[in-house]
Amino acid sequence: MQTIIKREMILWSRERAGLSREEIAQKLQVDLDRFIAWEEGRSAIPFSIAKKISKISLIPLGLLFADAVPEEGLPIADFRTPGSYTLEKPSPELIETIHDAKRKQEWYREYLISEDYEPLPFIGIYRPDNDPKRAAGTIIHLLSLDSPEYPRCRDWQESLRYLINHAEDAGITVLITSIFRNNTHRPLISEEFRGFVLSDPIAPLVMINGSDAKPAQVFTLIHEIAHLLIDVSGVLDSPLLTPTTVPQEQWCNQVAAEVLAPAGQVISLWNQDADNNTNLDTLRKKLKVSRLVAIIRAYHLGLITDTEKDRYYADEIGRIIATKKKDQERSGGGPDPHLIRRYKTGRNLALAVLSEVASGQMLYRDAFSILGVKNASGLKEFAERLGYHRELSP
C-alpha cells in the first residue's frame, strides 16, 4: 500500500530523529536511492515504511500525513544554559520523555483527587528572593536529612535511594531512567539534560536522567525539589557547575548547595594548615557530597581561587569519565528489571496503578501502558517486588 506523505514531513521526521539519509535507510533496511526518492517526493512511500519512520522519529503516525511541519519545542520552561548539548533543538527522546511524564502525572493527579488528597503544603511557599538557607532547612526536614539514618548510608546508591524514598513519602513522584521508555537504543543523554521538574500542588513530579553519575543525580534531585518550593517547572542541565543569570536557577543552586554542604559546616571543616586536596576530600567524606560539589562550594565560599577551581574541576571530570568507562567495561548481566521499572514509574504512582487494577477500576492493558510491563504475569511479579500483596483482579 502506497501513501500520500509530503516530502517536507519525511525530511522533518528524519531530522527529528537526528539521522542522515544513509543512517535512516540502513535502519529501514532499504536502498539509499529509494529513500532519497521518497524524501524528494519523486515516489510515494509505502505505508509499512511510514509506520517504521513514525517509530524511529517518535512521531504519531497520523501526524506524518499533516500538510505542514508543526511548530515543536519543549512543553515546559527550558533552564538549560547556552552550550548545553543540542540546546537549540531538543531531541525527540527529551520531548517525548517530558510528554510521557506529563501523561503519568495527569493520571496520578486525577487518582489522588478522587481519593480526596489535599494539596501539598510545601509547593510554592517560597520566592526566589527569599533566604536560601531557610528553604534549605525546609528540604532537610522534608527529606529527613537531619535523621541519624542518612549519615549511615554507605555509598551514593544508598544515599540516592534514601532521598528518593523520603521524597516519595512527602508526596513527590520521582522517576529515574536513562533510556526512552523501554528502548535501549534510545538513550537519554546527560549532556543534553540532567532532569526536569513538573510542579503541581497535588502530584508534583521530578525526573532524573539515570545516565548521569550518582552524585550528580543527588544534586539534581535536591535542585528539582527547590523548584517545587517556588512552584516552577522546567528542564535542567548541570545546575551547580554552569553559571546562570536566571534568578530561579541561581536560587535553586544556592538552596541545593546549602542542603548538601551547609556554609557553616564547610568553613568549620576547612583546615587552613592542610592542602586543598586534603580539604576537598574531607568535605567529600564528612558531608557525603561529590568532589565536584566540594570544589564548587569551596570556590563559592572563597576557600579556593578561580584558577584552582578550574584545575580541580577538570581533573575530577577526567577521573569521572575514566571511571565510568571502566565500569561499563566491567558491567555484565545488568540491574534488576523490576528495580529499573520501580524507578522509571515512581513508587507511589505504581502502587496507585496496582490498587486500581486490584479494585477493577483499571484494565490490565492500561496498567501495562503506564508501568511498562508486557503481560499479567509481569504485572503480578512487579507487584510482589514492590511489596503489594493484594490480589489483582482477573
Protein backbone atom coordinates (compact mmCIF):
# COMPACT_ATOMS: atom_id res chain seq x y z
CA MET A 1 0.00 0.00 0.00
CA GLN A 2 1.36 3.42 -1.01
CA THR A 3 0.81 6.63 0.99
CA ILE A 4 0.49 10.33 0.33
CA ILE A 5 3.03 11.94 2.64
CA LYS A 6 4.62 15.25 1.75
CA ARG A 7 8.38 15.28 1.29
CA GLU A 8 8.66 18.03 3.95
CA MET A 9 7.20 15.65 6.52
CA ILE A 10 9.64 12.87 5.60
CA LEU A 11 12.57 15.30 5.82
CA TRP A 12 11.31 16.63 9.19
CA SER A 13 10.88 13.13 10.65
CA ARG A 14 14.41 12.16 9.62
CA GLU A 15 15.96 15.33 11.00
CA ARG A 16 13.90 14.99 14.20
CA ALA A 17 15.49 11.59 14.70
CA GLY A 18 18.93 13.12 14.15
CA LEU A 19 19.77 10.72 11.32
CA SER A 20 21.46 11.15 7.97
CA ARG A 21 19.89 9.71 4.83
CA GLU A 22 22.35 6.85 4.94
CA GLU A 23 21.60 6.09 8.59
CA ILE A 24 17.82 6.06 8.25
CA ALA A 25 17.98 4.00 5.07
CA GLN A 26 20.03 1.45 6.99
CA LYS A 27 17.53 1.42 9.87
CA LEU A 28 14.66 1.00 7.42
CA GLN A 29 16.63 -1.71 5.56
CA VAL A 30 16.02 -0.08 2.20
CA ASP A 31 18.23 1.10 -0.64
CA LEU A 32 19.56 4.65 -0.13
CA ASP A 33 18.42 5.82 -3.58
CA ARG A 34 14.93 4.57 -2.84
CA PHE A 35 14.74 6.56 0.40
CA ILE A 36 16.08 9.68 -1.33
CA ALA A 37 13.28 9.33 -3.90
CA TRP A 38 10.72 9.30 -1.09
CA GLU A 39 12.28 12.28 0.70
CA GLU A 40 12.47 14.29 -2.52
CA GLY A 41 8.87 13.45 -3.39
CA ARG A 42 9.70 11.55 -6.57
CA SER A 43 7.83 8.42 -5.45
CA ALA A 44 5.16 7.53 -2.90
CA ILE A 45 6.32 5.93 0.33
CA PRO A 46 4.80 2.57 1.34
CA PHE A 47 2.55 2.58 4.41
CA SER A 48 4.71 -0.07 6.09
CA ILE A 49 7.75 2.20 5.77
CA ALA A 50 5.78 5.18 7.07
CA LYS A 51 4.97 3.17 10.20
CA LYS A 52 8.66 2.44 10.72
CA ILE A 53 9.60 6.11 10.26
CA SER A 54 6.93 7.05 12.79
CA LYS A 55 8.50 4.71 15.32
CA ILE A 56 12.06 5.85 14.62
CA SER A 57 11.25 9.58 14.85
CA LEU A 58 8.82 9.21 17.79
CA ILE A 59 6.11 10.94 15.74
CA PRO A 60 2.46 9.74 15.83
CA LEU A 61 1.74 8.03 12.52
CA GLY A 62 -1.21 10.32 11.76
CA LEU A 63 1.00 13.39 12.10
CA LEU A 64 3.08 12.28 9.13
CA PHE A 65 0.04 12.92 6.92
CA ALA A 66 -0.20 16.59 8.00
CA ASP A 67 0.03 19.38 5.42
CA ALA A 68 2.87 21.21 7.17
CA VAL A 69 5.61 20.59 9.71
CA PRO A 70 4.28 21.56 13.17
CA GLU A 71 5.97 24.05 15.46
CA GLU A 72 7.69 21.95 18.09
CA GLY A 73 9.51 22.75 21.29
CA LEU A 74 9.75 21.81 24.93
CA PRO A 75 6.36 21.77 26.70
CA ILE A 76 7.88 23.33 29.83
CA ALA A 77 10.39 26.11 30.56
CA ASP A 78 13.95 25.49 29.41
CA PHE A 79 16.50 26.39 32.09
CA ARG A 80 19.42 24.79 30.28
CA THR A 81 22.32 27.13 29.67
CA PRO A 82 23.97 28.08 26.35
CA GLY A 83 26.49 25.43 25.42
CA SER A 84 24.26 22.54 26.51
CA TYR A 85 24.07 19.53 24.23
CA THR A 86 21.63 20.26 21.33
CA LEU A 87 20.23 23.19 23.29
CA GLU A 88 18.67 24.89 20.29
CA LYS A 89 16.93 21.73 19.10
CA PRO A 90 15.86 19.31 21.84
CA SER A 91 15.99 15.65 20.93
CA PRO A 92 12.77 13.72 20.32
CA GLU A 93 13.75 11.50 23.26
CA LEU A 94 13.73 14.51 25.61
CA ILE A 95 10.49 15.94 24.20
CA GLU A 96 8.63 12.64 24.34
CA THR A 97 10.02 11.76 27.79
CA ILE A 98 8.52 15.00 29.11
CA HIS A 99 5.19 14.29 27.42
CA ASP A 100 5.22 10.74 28.80
CA ALA A 101 5.90 12.05 32.33
CA LYS A 102 3.11 14.62 31.98
CA ARG A 103 0.66 11.87 31.00
CA LYS A 104 1.65 9.85 34.06
CA GLN A 105 1.36 12.94 36.26
CA GLU A 106 -2.10 13.82 34.92
CA TRP A 107 -3.39 10.29 35.56
CA TYR A 108 -1.93 10.23 39.07
CA ARG A 109 -3.30 13.69 39.84
CA GLU A 110 -6.83 12.58 38.91
CA TYR A 111 -6.38 9.47 41.06
CA LEU A 112 -5.24 11.49 44.09
CA ILE A 113 -8.13 13.95 43.72
CA SER A 114 -10.58 11.03 43.55
CA GLU A 115 -9.05 9.76 46.79
CA ASP A 116 -9.57 13.20 48.43
CA TYR A 117 -5.88 14.04 48.78
CA GLU A 118 -5.18 17.61 49.87
CA PRO A 119 -2.66 19.97 48.18
CA LEU A 120 0.87 19.53 49.49
CA PRO A 121 1.85 22.28 51.95
CA PHE A 122 5.35 22.96 50.60
CA ILE A 123 4.56 23.70 46.94
CA GLY A 124 5.17 27.37 46.14
CA ILE A 125 5.82 28.50 49.71
CA TYR A 126 8.95 30.48 48.76
CA ARG A 127 10.02 33.05 46.17
CA PRO A 128 13.46 33.40 44.54
CA ASP A 129 14.15 36.46 46.71
CA ASN A 130 13.64 34.50 49.96
CA ASP A 131 16.52 33.29 52.14
CA PRO A 132 18.03 30.13 50.55
CA LYS A 133 19.14 28.87 53.98
CA ARG A 134 15.56 28.89 55.22
CA ALA A 135 14.42 26.95 52.14
CA ALA A 136 17.31 24.51 52.63
CA GLY A 137 16.04 23.86 56.14
CA THR A 138 12.63 23.00 54.71
CA ILE A 139 14.16 20.43 52.34
CA ILE A 140 16.37 18.98 55.08
CA HIS A 141 13.27 18.41 57.20
CA LEU A 142 11.23 17.16 54.23
CA LEU A 143 13.82 14.51 53.30
CA SER A 144 14.79 13.65 56.90
CA LEU A 145 18.39 14.64 56.23
CA ASP A 146 18.68 15.58 59.88
CA SER A 147 18.00 11.97 60.86
CA PRO A 148 20.92 9.85 62.11
CA GLU A 149 19.98 7.31 59.42
CA TYR A 150 21.21 9.39 56.50
CA PRO A 151 24.90 9.57 57.55
CA ARG A 152 24.85 5.77 57.77
CA CYS A 153 24.29 5.42 54.03
CA ARG A 154 27.33 3.52 52.79
CA ASP A 155 27.56 4.89 49.24
CA TRP A 156 25.94 7.18 46.70
CA GLN A 157 23.47 4.49 45.65
CA GLU A 158 22.16 4.18 49.20
CA SER A 159 22.12 7.96 49.66
CA LEU A 160 20.08 8.47 46.50
CA ARG A 161 17.68 5.68 47.45
CA TYR A 162 17.22 7.22 50.90
CA LEU A 163 16.45 10.65 49.43
CA ILE A 164 14.03 9.25 46.85
CA ASN A 165 12.12 7.22 49.44
CA HIS A 166 11.69 10.26 51.67
CA ALA A 167 10.75 12.49 48.73
CA GLU A 168 8.04 9.99 47.81
CA ASP A 169 6.93 9.80 51.44
CA ALA A 170 6.43 13.58 51.19
CA GLY A 171 4.23 13.17 48.09
CA ILE A 172 6.74 13.82 45.30
CA THR A 173 6.79 11.35 42.41
CA VAL A 174 10.43 10.66 41.49
CA LEU A 175 11.33 8.99 38.19
CA ILE A 176 14.80 7.87 37.13
CA THR A 177 15.60 6.45 33.72
CA SER A 178 18.48 6.52 31.26
CA ILE A 179 16.51 5.42 28.17
CA PHE A 180 13.33 6.47 26.40
CA ARG A 181 10.55 4.15 27.61
CA ASN A 182 11.97 0.63 27.30
CA ASN A 183 14.10 1.22 24.22
CA THR A 184 17.77 0.62 24.99
CA HIS A 185 18.60 2.06 21.56
CA ARG A 186 17.16 5.46 22.53
CA PRO A 187 19.40 6.70 25.38
CA LEU A 188 18.76 9.92 27.28
CA ILE A 189 21.95 11.97 27.03
CA SER A 190 23.01 13.53 30.33
CA GLU A 191 24.89 16.26 28.45
CA GLU A 192 21.55 17.36 26.97
CA PHE A 193 19.66 17.47 30.26
CA ARG A 194 20.13 16.33 33.86
CA GLY A 195 16.45 16.21 34.69
CA PHE A 196 13.20 18.12 34.72
CA VAL A 197 10.52 19.05 37.22
CA LEU A 198 6.73 19.26 36.76
CA SER A 199 5.37 21.31 39.63
CA ASP A 200 1.82 20.66 40.82
CA PRO A 201 0.13 21.18 44.22
CA ILE A 202 -1.34 17.66 44.20
CA ALA A 203 1.05 15.49 42.17
CA PRO A 204 4.49 17.10 41.76
CA LEU A 205 6.92 15.08 39.68
CA VAL A 206 10.67 15.19 39.22
CA MET A 207 12.59 13.20 36.65
CA ILE A 208 16.32 12.46 36.90
CA ASN A 209 18.45 11.36 33.98
CA GLY A 210 19.76 7.97 35.10
CA SER A 211 22.73 8.13 32.74
CA ASP A 212 24.29 10.79 34.96
CA ALA A 213 26.69 9.93 37.79
CA LYS A 214 25.03 9.14 41.14
CA PRO A 215 26.48 12.19 42.96
CA ALA A 216 25.15 14.41 40.16
CA GLN A 217 21.75 12.72 40.45
CA VAL A 218 21.66 13.59 44.15
CA PHE A 219 22.30 17.28 43.42
CA THR A 220 19.73 17.26 40.61
CA LEU A 221 17.08 15.81 42.92
CA ILE A 222 17.66 18.49 45.56
CA HIS A 223 17.73 21.21 42.91
CA GLU A 224 14.42 19.98 41.46
CA ILE A 225 12.78 19.90 44.89
CA ALA A 226 13.91 23.51 45.34
CA HIS A 227 11.98 24.24 42.14
CA LEU A 228 8.86 22.82 43.77
CA LEU A 229 9.27 25.20 46.71
CA ILE A 230 8.87 28.11 44.28
CA ASP A 231 6.34 26.22 42.10
CA VAL A 232 8.38 26.44 38.88
CA SER A 233 8.54 23.67 36.26
CA GLY A 234 11.44 23.32 33.84
CA VAL A 235 14.21 21.32 32.17
CA LEU A 236 17.64 21.44 33.82
CA ASP A 237 21.18 20.76 32.71
CA SER A 238 24.19 20.87 35.07
CA PRO A 239 22.77 23.34 37.59
CA LEU A 240 25.66 23.52 40.05
CA LEU A 241 28.57 23.80 37.68
CA THR A 242 27.20 26.06 34.97
CA PRO A 243 26.92 29.82 35.61
CA THR A 244 23.39 31.12 35.18
CA THR A 245 21.76 34.53 35.23
CA VAL A 246 18.24 33.12 35.69
CA PRO A 247 17.05 34.16 39.18
CA GLN A 248 15.14 30.91 39.79
CA GLU A 249 18.19 28.81 38.90
CA GLN A 250 20.55 30.89 40.98
CA TRP A 251 18.24 30.49 43.97
CA CYS A 252 17.77 26.73 43.47
CA ASN A 253 21.56 26.33 43.16
CA GLN A 254 22.06 28.14 46.45
CA VAL A 255 19.38 26.09 48.18
CA ALA A 256 20.74 22.76 46.93
CA ALA A 257 24.31 23.70 47.86
CA GLU A 258 23.19 24.72 51.35
CA VAL A 259 21.29 21.44 51.77
CA LEU A 260 24.21 19.24 50.76
CA ALA A 261 27.12 21.35 52.00
CA PRO A 262 25.99 23.99 54.53
CA ALA A 263 28.31 27.00 54.55
CA GLY A 264 28.92 26.78 58.29
CA GLN A 265 29.98 23.14 58.11
CA VAL A 266 32.21 23.67 55.08
CA ILE A 267 34.05 26.53 56.75
CA SER A 268 34.42 24.66 60.05
CA LEU A 269 35.83 21.59 58.27
CA TRP A 270 38.29 23.58 56.17
CA ASN A 271 41.76 23.36 57.71
CA GLN A 272 43.90 26.32 56.67
CA ASP A 273 47.04 24.33 57.52
CA ALA A 274 46.13 21.46 55.17
CA ASP A 275 46.47 21.46 51.38
CA ASN A 276 43.39 21.97 49.21
CA ASN A 277 43.16 18.37 48.03
CA THR A 278 43.09 17.12 51.60
CA ASN A 279 40.40 19.64 52.49
CA LEU A 280 38.30 18.74 49.47
CA ASP A 281 38.48 15.06 50.37
CA THR A 282 37.50 15.91 53.95
CA LEU A 283 34.40 17.76 52.69
CA ARG A 284 33.53 14.85 50.41
CA LYS A 285 33.77 12.27 53.18
CA LYS A 286 32.31 14.23 56.07
CA LEU A 287 29.41 15.84 54.20
CA LYS A 288 28.77 12.89 51.86
CA VAL A 289 28.92 15.05 48.78
CA SER A 290 30.69 14.55 45.47
CA ARG A 291 34.14 16.04 45.00
CA LEU A 292 32.62 18.31 42.34
CA VAL A 293 30.16 19.72 44.88
CA ALA A 294 33.04 20.18 47.34
CA ILE A 295 35.10 22.03 44.71
CA ILE A 296 32.33 24.42 43.67
CA ARG A 297 31.18 25.00 47.25
CA ALA A 298 34.75 25.81 48.37
CA TYR A 299 35.09 28.21 45.45
CA HIS A 300 31.80 29.97 46.20
CA LEU A 301 32.87 30.42 49.82
CA GLY A 302 36.23 31.87 48.80
CA LEU A 303 38.31 28.95 50.05
CA ILE A 304 39.96 28.26 46.68
CA THR A 305 40.75 30.58 43.77
CA ASP A 306 39.11 30.61 40.34
CA THR A 307 42.23 29.06 38.79
CA GLU A 308 42.33 26.31 41.41
CA LYS A 309 38.62 25.63 40.92
CA ASP A 310 39.09 25.19 37.14
CA ARG A 311 42.05 22.86 37.61
CA TYR A 312 40.43 20.66 40.26
CA TYR A 313 37.20 20.57 38.28
CA ALA A 314 38.93 19.48 35.05
CA ASP A 315 40.88 16.78 36.91
CA GLU A 316 37.73 15.44 38.56
CA ILE A 317 35.77 15.37 35.30
CA GLY A 318 38.61 13.37 33.74
CA ARG A 319 38.55 10.93 36.64
CA ILE A 320 34.76 10.51 36.39
CA ILE A 321 34.93 9.81 32.64
CA ALA A 322 37.69 7.23 33.13
CA THR A 323 35.81 5.54 35.99
CA LYS A 324 32.57 5.45 34.00
CA LYS A 325 34.39 3.81 31.08
CA LYS A 326 35.88 1.15 33.36
CA ASP A 327 32.50 0.46 34.97
CA GLN A 328 30.92 0.00 31.52
CA GLU A 329 33.66 -2.44 30.53
CA ARG A 330 33.22 -4.44 33.76
CA SER A 331 29.42 -4.41 33.78
CA GLY A 332 27.60 -7.60 32.97
CA GLY A 333 24.12 -9.02 33.38
CA GLY A 334 22.54 -5.63 34.07
CA PRO A 335 20.44 -4.48 37.01
CA ASP A 336 17.15 -5.97 38.17
CA PRO A 337 14.48 -5.04 35.56
CA HIS A 338 11.83 -4.67 38.28
CA LEU A 339 14.05 -2.26 40.19
CA ILE A 340 14.53 -0.27 36.99
CA ARG A 341 10.74 -0.22 36.46
CA ARG A 342 10.13 0.91 40.05
CA TYR A 343 12.32 3.99 39.48
CA LYS A 344 11.04 4.62 35.95
CA THR A 345 7.47 4.76 37.26
CA GLY A 346 7.74 6.04 40.82
CA ARG A 347 6.78 4.00 43.89
CA ASN A 348 3.56 5.81 44.79
CA LEU A 349 2.31 6.04 41.22
CA ALA A 350 3.00 2.33 40.67
CA LEU A 351 1.15 1.38 43.86
CA ALA A 352 -1.80 3.55 42.78
CA VAL A 353 -1.97 1.73 39.44
CA LEU A 354 -1.86 -1.66 41.16
CA SER A 355 -4.61 -0.55 43.55
CA GLU A 356 -6.83 0.46 40.64
CA VAL A 357 -6.24 -2.88 38.91
CA ALA A 358 -6.99 -4.79 42.12
CA SER A 359 -10.27 -2.90 42.61
CA GLY A 360 -11.32 -3.43 39.00
CA GLN A 361 -11.13 0.30 38.20
CA MET A 362 -8.34 -0.10 35.62
CA LEU A 363 -7.88 -2.51 32.74
CA TYR A 364 -4.73 -4.58 32.58
CA ARG A 365 -3.79 -3.06 29.24
CA ASP A 366 -3.87 0.44 30.72
CA ALA A 367 -1.71 -0.71 33.63
CA PHE A 368 0.72 -2.31 31.17
CA SER A 369 0.99 1.03 29.32
CA ILE A 370 1.72 3.10 32.44
CA LEU A 371 4.06 0.62 34.13
CA GLY A 372 5.80 -0.64 31.01
CA VAL A 373 5.10 -4.35 31.62
CA LYS A 374 4.16 -6.77 28.85
CA ASN A 375 1.69 -9.15 30.43
CA ALA A 376 -0.30 -10.12 33.53
CA SER A 377 2.43 -12.34 34.97
CA GLY A 378 4.93 -9.48 34.66
CA LEU A 379 2.49 -7.18 36.42
CA LYS A 380 1.97 -9.61 39.28
CA GLU A 381 5.70 -10.19 39.68
CA PHE A 382 6.31 -6.43 39.73
CA ALA A 383 3.56 -6.04 42.37
CA GLU A 384 5.23 -8.66 44.57
CA ARG A 385 8.61 -6.97 44.25
CA LEU A 386 7.02 -3.68 45.34
CA GLY A 387 5.55 -5.42 48.37
CA TYR A 388 1.97 -5.14 47.08
CA HIS A 389 0.24 -8.34 48.17
CA ARG A 390 -3.40 -7.56 47.42
CA GLU A 391 -4.92 -9.95 44.86
CA LEU A 392 -5.09 -8.37 41.40
CA SER A 393 -8.40 -8.63 39.57
CA PRO A 394 -8.52 -11.22 36.76
